[in-house]
C-alpha atoms as a PDB file:
ATOM      1  CA  UNK A   1      -0.049  -0.100  -0.066  1.00  0.00           C
ATOM      2  CA  UNK A   2       1.469   3.311  -1.031  1.00  0.00           C
ATOM      3  CA  UNK A   3       0.457   6.905  -0.703  1.00  0.00           C
ATOM      4  CA  UNK A   4      -0.919   8.744  -3.766  1.00  0.00           C
ATOM      5  CA  UNK A   5       1.983  10.408  -5.568  1.00  0.00           C
ATOM      6  CA  UNK A   6       1.905  13.589  -7.727  1.00  0.00           C
ATOM      7  CA  UNK A   7      -0.795  16.052  -8.614  1.00  0.00           C
ATOM      8  CA  UNK A   8      -2.170  13.814 -11.409  1.00  0.00           C
ATOM      9  CA  UNK A   9      -2.552  10.667  -9.334  1.00  0.00           C
ATOM     10  CA  UNK A  10      -6.085   9.851  -8.051  1.00  0.00           C
ATOM     11  CA  UNK A  11      -6.268   7.278  -5.068  1.00  0.00           C
ATOM     12  CA  UNK A  12      -8.470   4.371  -5.861  1.00  0.00           C
ATOM     13  CA  UNK A  13     -12.086   4.104  -4.430  1.00  0.00           C
ATOM     14  CA  UNK A  14     -11.702   0.423  -3.549  1.00  0.00           C
ATOM     15  CA  UNK A  15      -9.783  -1.123  -0.718  1.00  0.00           C
ATOM     16  CA  UNK A  16      -7.990  -4.458  -0.934  1.00  0.00           C
ATOM     17  CA  UNK A  17      -9.004  -7.385   1.439  1.00  0.00           C
ATOM     18  CA  UNK A  18      -5.677  -7.346   3.309  1.00  0.00           C
ATOM     19  CA  UNK A  19      -5.854  -3.522   4.026  1.00  0.00           C
ATOM     20  CA  UNK A  20      -9.487  -3.631   5.090  1.00  0.00           C
ATOM     21  CA  UNK A  21      -8.783  -6.690   7.343  1.00  0.00           C
ATOM     22  CA  UNK A  22      -6.564  -4.839   9.708  1.00  0.00           C
ATOM     23  CA  UNK A  23      -8.793  -2.044  10.162  1.00  0.00           C
ATOM     24  CA  UNK A  24     -10.016  -2.068  13.866  1.00  0.00           C
ATOM     25  CA  UNK A  25     -10.843   1.778  14.251  1.00  0.00           C
ATOM     26  CA  UNK A  26     -12.246   4.304  11.808  1.00  0.00           C
ATOM     27  CA  UNK A  27     -11.626   7.998  12.682  1.00  0.00           C
ATOM     28  CA  UNK A  28     -14.070  10.559  11.178  1.00  0.00           C
ATOM     29  CA  UNK A  29     -13.456  14.304  10.850  1.00  0.00           C
ATOM     30  CA  UNK A  30     -16.644  16.344  11.078  1.00  0.00           C
ATOM     31  CA  UNK A  31     -16.636  19.577   9.053  1.00  0.00           C
ATOM     32  CA  UNK A  32     -16.146  18.727   5.455  1.00  0.00           C
ATOM     33  CA  UNK A  33     -16.471  14.833   5.976  1.00  0.00           C
ATOM     34  CA  UNK A  34     -19.585  14.293   8.281  1.00  0.00           C
ATOM     35  CA  UNK A  35     -20.859  17.579   6.966  1.00  0.00           C
ATOM     36  CA  UNK A  36     -20.571  19.668   3.757  1.00  0.00           C
ATOM     37  CA  UNK A  37     -18.300  21.931   5.719  1.00  0.00           C
ATOM     38  CA  UNK A  38     -21.053  24.605   5.978  1.00  0.00           C
ATOM     39  CA  UNK A  39     -22.138  26.023   9.450  1.00  0.00           C
ATOM     40  CA  UNK A  40     -25.380  27.874  10.195  1.00  0.00           C
ATOM     41  CA  UNK A  41     -24.910  30.555  12.682  1.00  0.00           C
ATOM     42  CA  UNK A  42     -27.685  32.262  14.726  1.00  0.00           C
ATOM     43  CA  UNK A  43     -28.555  33.700  18.104  1.00  0.00           C
ATOM     44  CA  UNK A  44     -30.845  32.614  20.739  1.00  0.00           C
ATOM     45  CA  UNK A  45     -33.124  35.177  22.467  1.00  0.00           C
ATOM     46  CA  UNK A  46     -30.841  35.217  25.357  1.00  0.00           C
ATOM     47  CA  UNK A  47     -27.869  36.128  23.029  1.00  0.00           C
ATOM     48  CA  UNK A  48     -26.359  32.792  23.123  1.00  0.00           C
ATOM     49  CA  UNK A  49     -24.840  31.546  19.809  1.00  0.00           C
ATOM     50  CA  UNK A  50     -26.872  28.859  17.846  1.00  0.00           C
ATOM     51  CA  UNK A  51     -24.725  26.556  15.621  1.00  0.00           C
ATOM     52  CA  UNK A  52     -26.389  23.966  13.391  1.00  0.00           C
ATOM     53  CA  UNK A  53     -24.798  21.307  10.980  1.00  0.00           C
ATOM     54  CA  UNK A  54     -26.454  19.250   8.476  1.00  0.00           C
ATOM     55  CA  UNK A  55     -25.619  15.551   8.625  1.00  0.00           C
ATOM     56  CA  UNK A  56     -26.169  12.760   6.049  1.00  0.00           C
ATOM     57  CA  UNK A  57     -28.492  10.000   6.976  1.00  0.00           C
ATOM     58  CA  UNK A  58     -26.903   7.395   4.814  1.00  0.00           C
ATOM     59  CA  UNK A  59     -23.608   8.254   6.497  1.00  0.00           C
ATOM     60  CA  UNK A  60     -25.199   7.417   9.857  1.00  0.00           C
ATOM     61  CA  UNK A  61     -26.481   3.930   8.587  1.00  0.00           C
ATOM     62  CA  UNK A  62     -22.910   3.294   7.391  1.00  0.00           C
ATOM     63  CA  UNK A  63     -21.325   4.034  10.742  1.00  0.00           C
ATOM     64  CA  UNK A  64     -23.855   1.540  12.326  1.00  0.00           C
ATOM     65  CA  UNK A  65     -23.032  -1.167   9.873  1.00  0.00           C
ATOM     66  CA  UNK A  66     -19.289  -0.707  10.895  1.00  0.00           C
ATOM     67  CA  UNK A  67     -20.315  -0.976  14.594  1.00  0.00           C
ATOM     68  CA  UNK A  68     -22.383  -4.003  14.044  1.00  0.00           C
ATOM     69  CA  UNK A  69     -19.158  -5.563  12.122  1.00  0.00           C
ATOM     70  CA  UNK A  70     -17.111  -4.988  15.304  1.00  0.00           C
ATOM     71  CA  UNK A  71     -15.266  -1.909  13.979  1.00  0.00           C
ATOM     72  CA  UNK A  72     -14.760   0.840  16.384  1.00  0.00           C
ATOM     73  CA  UNK A  73     -15.796   4.369  15.237  1.00  0.00           C
ATOM     74  CA  UNK A  74     -14.472   7.697  16.561  1.00  0.00           C
ATOM     75  CA  UNK A  75     -15.334  11.222  15.878  1.00  0.00           C
ATOM     76  CA  UNK A  76     -12.459  13.666  16.112  1.00  0.00           C
ATOM     77  CA  UNK A  77     -13.037  17.410  15.271  1.00  0.00           C
ATOM     78  CA  UNK A  78     -10.999  20.620  15.852  1.00  0.00           C
ATOM     79  CA  UNK A  79     -14.212  22.558  16.329  1.00  0.00           C
ATOM     80  CA  UNK A  80     -16.524  22.316  19.339  1.00  0.00           C
ATOM     81  CA  UNK A  81     -20.068  22.037  18.598  1.00  0.00           C
ATOM     82  CA  UNK A  82     -23.066  20.722  20.490  1.00  0.00           C
ATOM     83  CA  UNK A  83     -24.556  19.596  17.081  1.00  0.00           C
ATOM     84  CA  UNK A  84     -21.747  17.035  16.816  1.00  0.00           C
ATOM     85  CA  UNK A  85     -22.170  15.819  20.260  1.00  0.00           C
ATOM     86  CA  UNK A  86     -25.786  15.185  19.663  1.00  0.00           C
ATOM     87  CA  UNK A  87     -25.085  13.372  16.389  1.00  0.00           C
ATOM     88  CA  UNK A  88     -22.315  11.160  18.159  1.00  0.00           C
ATOM     89  CA  UNK A  89     -24.819  10.217  20.680  1.00  0.00           C
ATOM     90  CA  UNK A  90     -27.516   9.394  18.355  1.00  0.00           C
ATOM     91  CA  UNK A  91     -25.172   6.933  16.501  1.00  0.00           C
ATOM     92  CA  UNK A  92     -23.760   5.467  19.831  1.00  0.00           C
ATOM     93  CA  UNK A  93     -20.258   6.758  19.124  1.00  0.00           C
ATOM     94  CA  UNK A  94     -18.818   6.912  22.448  1.00  0.00           C
ATOM     95  CA  UNK A  95     -15.294   8.318  21.407  1.00  0.00           C
ATOM     96  CA  UNK A  96     -16.329  11.772  20.290  1.00  0.00           C
ATOM     97  CA  UNK A  97     -13.710  14.494  20.828  1.00  0.00           C
ATOM     98  CA  UNK A  98     -13.888  18.051  20.056  1.00  0.00           C
ATOM     99  CA  UNK A  99     -10.797  20.304  20.761  1.00  0.00           C
ATOM    100  CA  UNK A 100     -10.819  23.868  19.878  1.00  0.00           C
ATOM    101  CA  UNK A 101      -6.986  23.757  19.862  1.00  0.00           C
ATOM    102  CA  UNK A 102      -7.302  21.161  16.996  1.00  0.00           C
ATOM    103  CA  UNK A 103      -5.074  18.772  18.911  1.00  0.00           C
ATOM    104  CA  UNK A 104      -6.356  15.629  16.945  1.00  0.00           C
ATOM    105  CA  UNK A 105      -3.200  13.603  17.321  1.00  0.00           C
ATOM    106  CA  UNK A 106      -3.300  13.839  21.195  1.00  0.00           C
ATOM    107  CA  UNK A 107      -7.092  12.802  21.199  1.00  0.00           C
ATOM    108  CA  UNK A 108      -6.462   9.805  18.970  1.00  0.00           C
ATOM    109  CA  UNK A 109      -3.482   8.750  21.074  1.00  0.00           C
ATOM    110  CA  UNK A 110      -5.891   8.373  23.980  1.00  0.00           C
ATOM    111  CA  UNK A 111      -8.463   6.460  22.016  1.00  0.00           C
ATOM    112  CA  UNK A 112      -5.774   4.009  20.861  1.00  0.00           C
ATOM    113  CA  UNK A 113      -4.686   3.490  24.467  1.00  0.00           C
ATOM    114  CA  UNK A 114      -8.248   2.752  25.655  1.00  0.00           C
ATOM    115  CA  UNK A 115      -8.925   0.404  22.794  1.00  0.00           C
ATOM    116  CA  UNK A 116      -5.446  -1.153  22.584  1.00  0.00           C
ATOM    117  CA  UNK A 117      -5.188  -0.539  18.951  1.00  0.00           C
ATOM    118  CA  UNK A 118      -2.041   0.586  16.965  1.00  0.00           C
ATOM    119  CA  UNK A 119      -1.854   3.281  14.461  1.00  0.00           C
ATOM    120  CA  UNK A 120      -1.460   0.729  11.677  1.00  0.00           C
ATOM    121  CA  UNK A 121      -4.980  -0.432  12.383  1.00  0.00           C
ATOM    122  CA  UNK A 122      -6.675   2.859  12.058  1.00  0.00           C
ATOM    123  CA  UNK A 123      -8.384   4.288   9.248  1.00  0.00           C
ATOM    124  CA  UNK A 124      -9.219   7.948   8.903  1.00  0.00           C
ATOM    125  CA  UNK A 125     -11.377   9.888   6.570  1.00  0.00           C
ATOM    126  CA  UNK A 126     -10.340  13.574   6.197  1.00  0.00           C
ATOM    127  CA  UNK A 127     -10.718  16.521   3.838  1.00  0.00           C
ATOM    128  CA  UNK A 128      -8.255  19.536   4.689  1.00  0.00           C
ATOM    129  CA  UNK A 129      -5.001  20.458   6.274  1.00  0.00           C
ATOM    130  CA  UNK A 130      -6.218  20.052   9.903  1.00  0.00           C
ATOM    131  CA  UNK A 131      -6.364  16.218   9.086  1.00  0.00           C
ATOM    132  CA  UNK A 132      -2.982  15.995   7.386  1.00  0.00           C
ATOM    133  CA  UNK A 133      -0.921  15.033  10.606  1.00  0.00           C
ATOM    134  CA  UNK A 134      -3.311  12.183  11.383  1.00  0.00           C
ATOM    135  CA  UNK A 135      -3.360  10.996   7.842  1.00  0.00           C
ATOM    136  CA  UNK A 136       0.397  10.632   7.777  1.00  0.00           C
ATOM    137  CA  UNK A 137       0.286   8.385  10.769  1.00  0.00           C
ATOM    138  CA  UNK A 138      -2.622   6.109  10.228  1.00  0.00           C
ATOM    139  CA  UNK A 139      -2.539   2.834   8.490  1.00  0.00           C
ATOM    140  CA  UNK A 140      -5.405   3.589   6.044  1.00  0.00           C
ATOM    141  CA  UNK A 141      -5.571   7.309   5.187  1.00  0.00           C
ATOM    142  CA  UNK A 142      -8.656   8.236   3.124  1.00  0.00           C
ATOM    143  CA  UNK A 143     -10.280  11.253   1.957  1.00  0.00           C
ATOM    144  CA  UNK A 144     -13.536  12.616   0.608  1.00  0.00           C
ATOM    145  CA  UNK A 145     -13.952  13.658  -3.202  1.00  0.00           C
ATOM    146  CA  UNK A 146     -13.513  17.614  -2.376  1.00  0.00           C
ATOM    147  CA  UNK A 147     -10.300  17.293  -0.629  1.00  0.00           C
ATOM    148  CA  UNK A 148      -7.461  19.693  -0.498  1.00  0.00           C
ATOM    149  CA  UNK A 149      -4.690  18.652  -3.034  1.00  0.00           C
ATOM    150  CA  UNK A 150      -2.028  18.526  -0.399  1.00  0.00           C
ATOM    151  CA  UNK A 151      -4.100  16.231   1.689  1.00  0.00           C
ATOM    152  CA  UNK A 152      -5.188  14.046  -1.193  1.00  0.00           C
ATOM    153  CA  UNK A 153      -1.591  12.958  -1.952  1.00  0.00           C
ATOM    154  CA  UNK A 154      -1.447  11.279   1.405  1.00  0.00           C
ATOM    155  CA  UNK A 155      -4.501   8.975   0.631  1.00  0.00           C
ATOM    156  CA  UNK A 156      -4.560   5.432  -0.474  1.00  0.00           C
ATOM    157  CA  UNK A 157      -8.524   5.698  -0.846  1.00  0.00           C
ATOM    158  CA  UNK A 158     -10.590   8.500  -2.191  1.00  0.00           C
ATOM    159  CA  UNK A 159     -14.496   8.693  -2.282  1.00  0.00           C
ATOM    160  CA  UNK A 160     -16.284   9.576  -5.265  1.00  0.00           C
ATOM    161  CA  UNK A 161     -18.771  11.361  -3.082  1.00  0.00           C
ATOM    162  CA  UNK A 162     -18.374  14.902  -1.333  1.00  0.00           C
ATOM    163  CA  UNK A 163     -17.989  15.387   2.371  1.00  0.00           C
ATOM    164  CA  UNK A 164     -21.655  15.530   3.986  1.00  0.00           C
ATOM    165  CA  UNK A 165     -23.147  13.910   0.687  1.00  0.00           C
ATOM    166  CA  UNK A 166     -22.556  10.157   1.430  1.00  0.00           C
ATOM    167  CA  UNK A 167     -18.588  10.151   1.531  1.00  0.00           C
ATOM    168  CA  UNK A 168     -18.698   8.377   4.909  1.00  0.00           C
ATOM    169  CA  UNK A 169     -21.209   5.843   3.876  1.00  0.00           C
ATOM    170  CA  UNK A 170     -19.234   5.165   0.669  1.00  0.00           C
ATOM    171  CA  UNK A 171     -16.059   4.512   3.122  1.00  0.00           C
ATOM    172  CA  UNK A 172     -17.846   2.412   5.411  1.00  0.00           C
ATOM    173  CA  UNK A 173     -19.346   0.208   2.566  1.00  0.00           C
ATOM    174  CA  UNK A 174     -15.812   0.033   0.988  1.00  0.00           C
ATOM    175  CA  UNK A 175     -14.382  -1.408   4.210  1.00  0.00           C
ATOM    176  CA  UNK A 176     -17.152  -4.039   4.727  1.00  0.00           C
ATOM    177  CA  UNK A 177     -17.212  -5.029   1.085  1.00  0.00           C
ATOM    178  CA  UNK A 178     -13.443  -5.586   1.153  1.00  0.00           C
ATOM    179  CA  UNK A 179     -13.559  -7.621   4.171  1.00  0.00           C
ATOM    180  CA  UNK A 180     -16.433  -9.670   2.739  1.00  0.00           C
ATOM    181  CA  UNK A 181     -18.889  -8.549   5.593  1.00  0.00           C
ATOM    182  CA  UNK A 182     -21.228  -6.308   3.470  1.00  0.00           C
ATOM    183  CA  UNK A 183     -23.827  -8.817   2.509  1.00  0.00           C
ATOM    184  CA  UNK A 184     -24.128 -10.391   6.086  1.00  0.00           C
ATOM    185  CA  UNK A 185     -24.192  -6.933   7.564  1.00  0.00           C
ATOM    186  CA  UNK A 186     -26.881  -5.754   5.099  1.00  0.00           C
ATOM    187  CA  UNK A 187     -29.042  -8.760   5.556  1.00  0.00           C
ATOM    188  CA  UNK A 188     -28.666  -8.510   9.454  1.00  0.00           C
ATOM    189  CA  UNK A 189     -30.000  -4.992   9.179  1.00  0.00           C
ATOM    190  CA  UNK A 190     -32.931  -5.980   7.064  1.00  0.00           C
ATOM    191  CA  UNK A 191     -33.801  -8.775   9.311  1.00  0.00           C
ATOM    192  CA  UNK A 192     -33.650  -6.662  12.370  1.00  0.00           C
ATOM    193  CA  UNK A 193     -36.236  -4.235  10.843  1.00  0.00           C
ATOM    194  CA  UNK A 194     -38.476  -7.082  10.459  1.00  0.00           C
ATOM    195  CA  UNK A 195     -41.454  -7.664   8.028  1.00  0.00           C
ATOM    196  CA  UNK A 196     -44.775  -6.288   9.206  1.00  0.00           C
ATOM    197  CA  UNK A 197     -46.861  -8.657   7.205  1.00  0.00           C
ATOM    198  CA  UNK A 198     -45.214 -11.484   9.169  1.00  0.00           C
ATOM    199  CA  UNK A 199     -46.052  -9.906  12.654  1.00  0.00           C
ATOM    200  CA  UNK A 200     -49.103 -10.507  14.666  1.00  0.00           C
END
């Protein structure tokens, strides 16, 4: 596995089975990855700042399927937002770290210690310069379609979709397909939802 080299080289949108098999933890950036990078700002009657973000529902299901397959998921952001914390709770992502100082490496080191996982067992999906230091350390650096050029050069995988518009789902599915787990997880999800016509 080699990093993408040169401005004309585009990382593939598939993963090999051996690369996917060693992934134990998937780290996701927020702004530009779980969201499209836009931030809606407003003010509450008391003067407090109101910040809203748009999250993709298909991304959320991809995260769930990874979790059901036994892969840990962490959210690490350099921006502090209650919207991110709410979304993490909805998805049962217990490792959600927001640092206004953008110390992502420090946050991820703590996660690795708690989970007993090595850097080579980590995949990260990023989009911009704040993710660069982490992408250079993880075993599987991945990026969204609308990625900064300097960041894309470090990637071994690139989504066809943009951040906030299904890139996370695409990455989750690529991992599961490469591991041979996609069909089983999909069928388990469908079975868990049941067939109303068979109930009663």
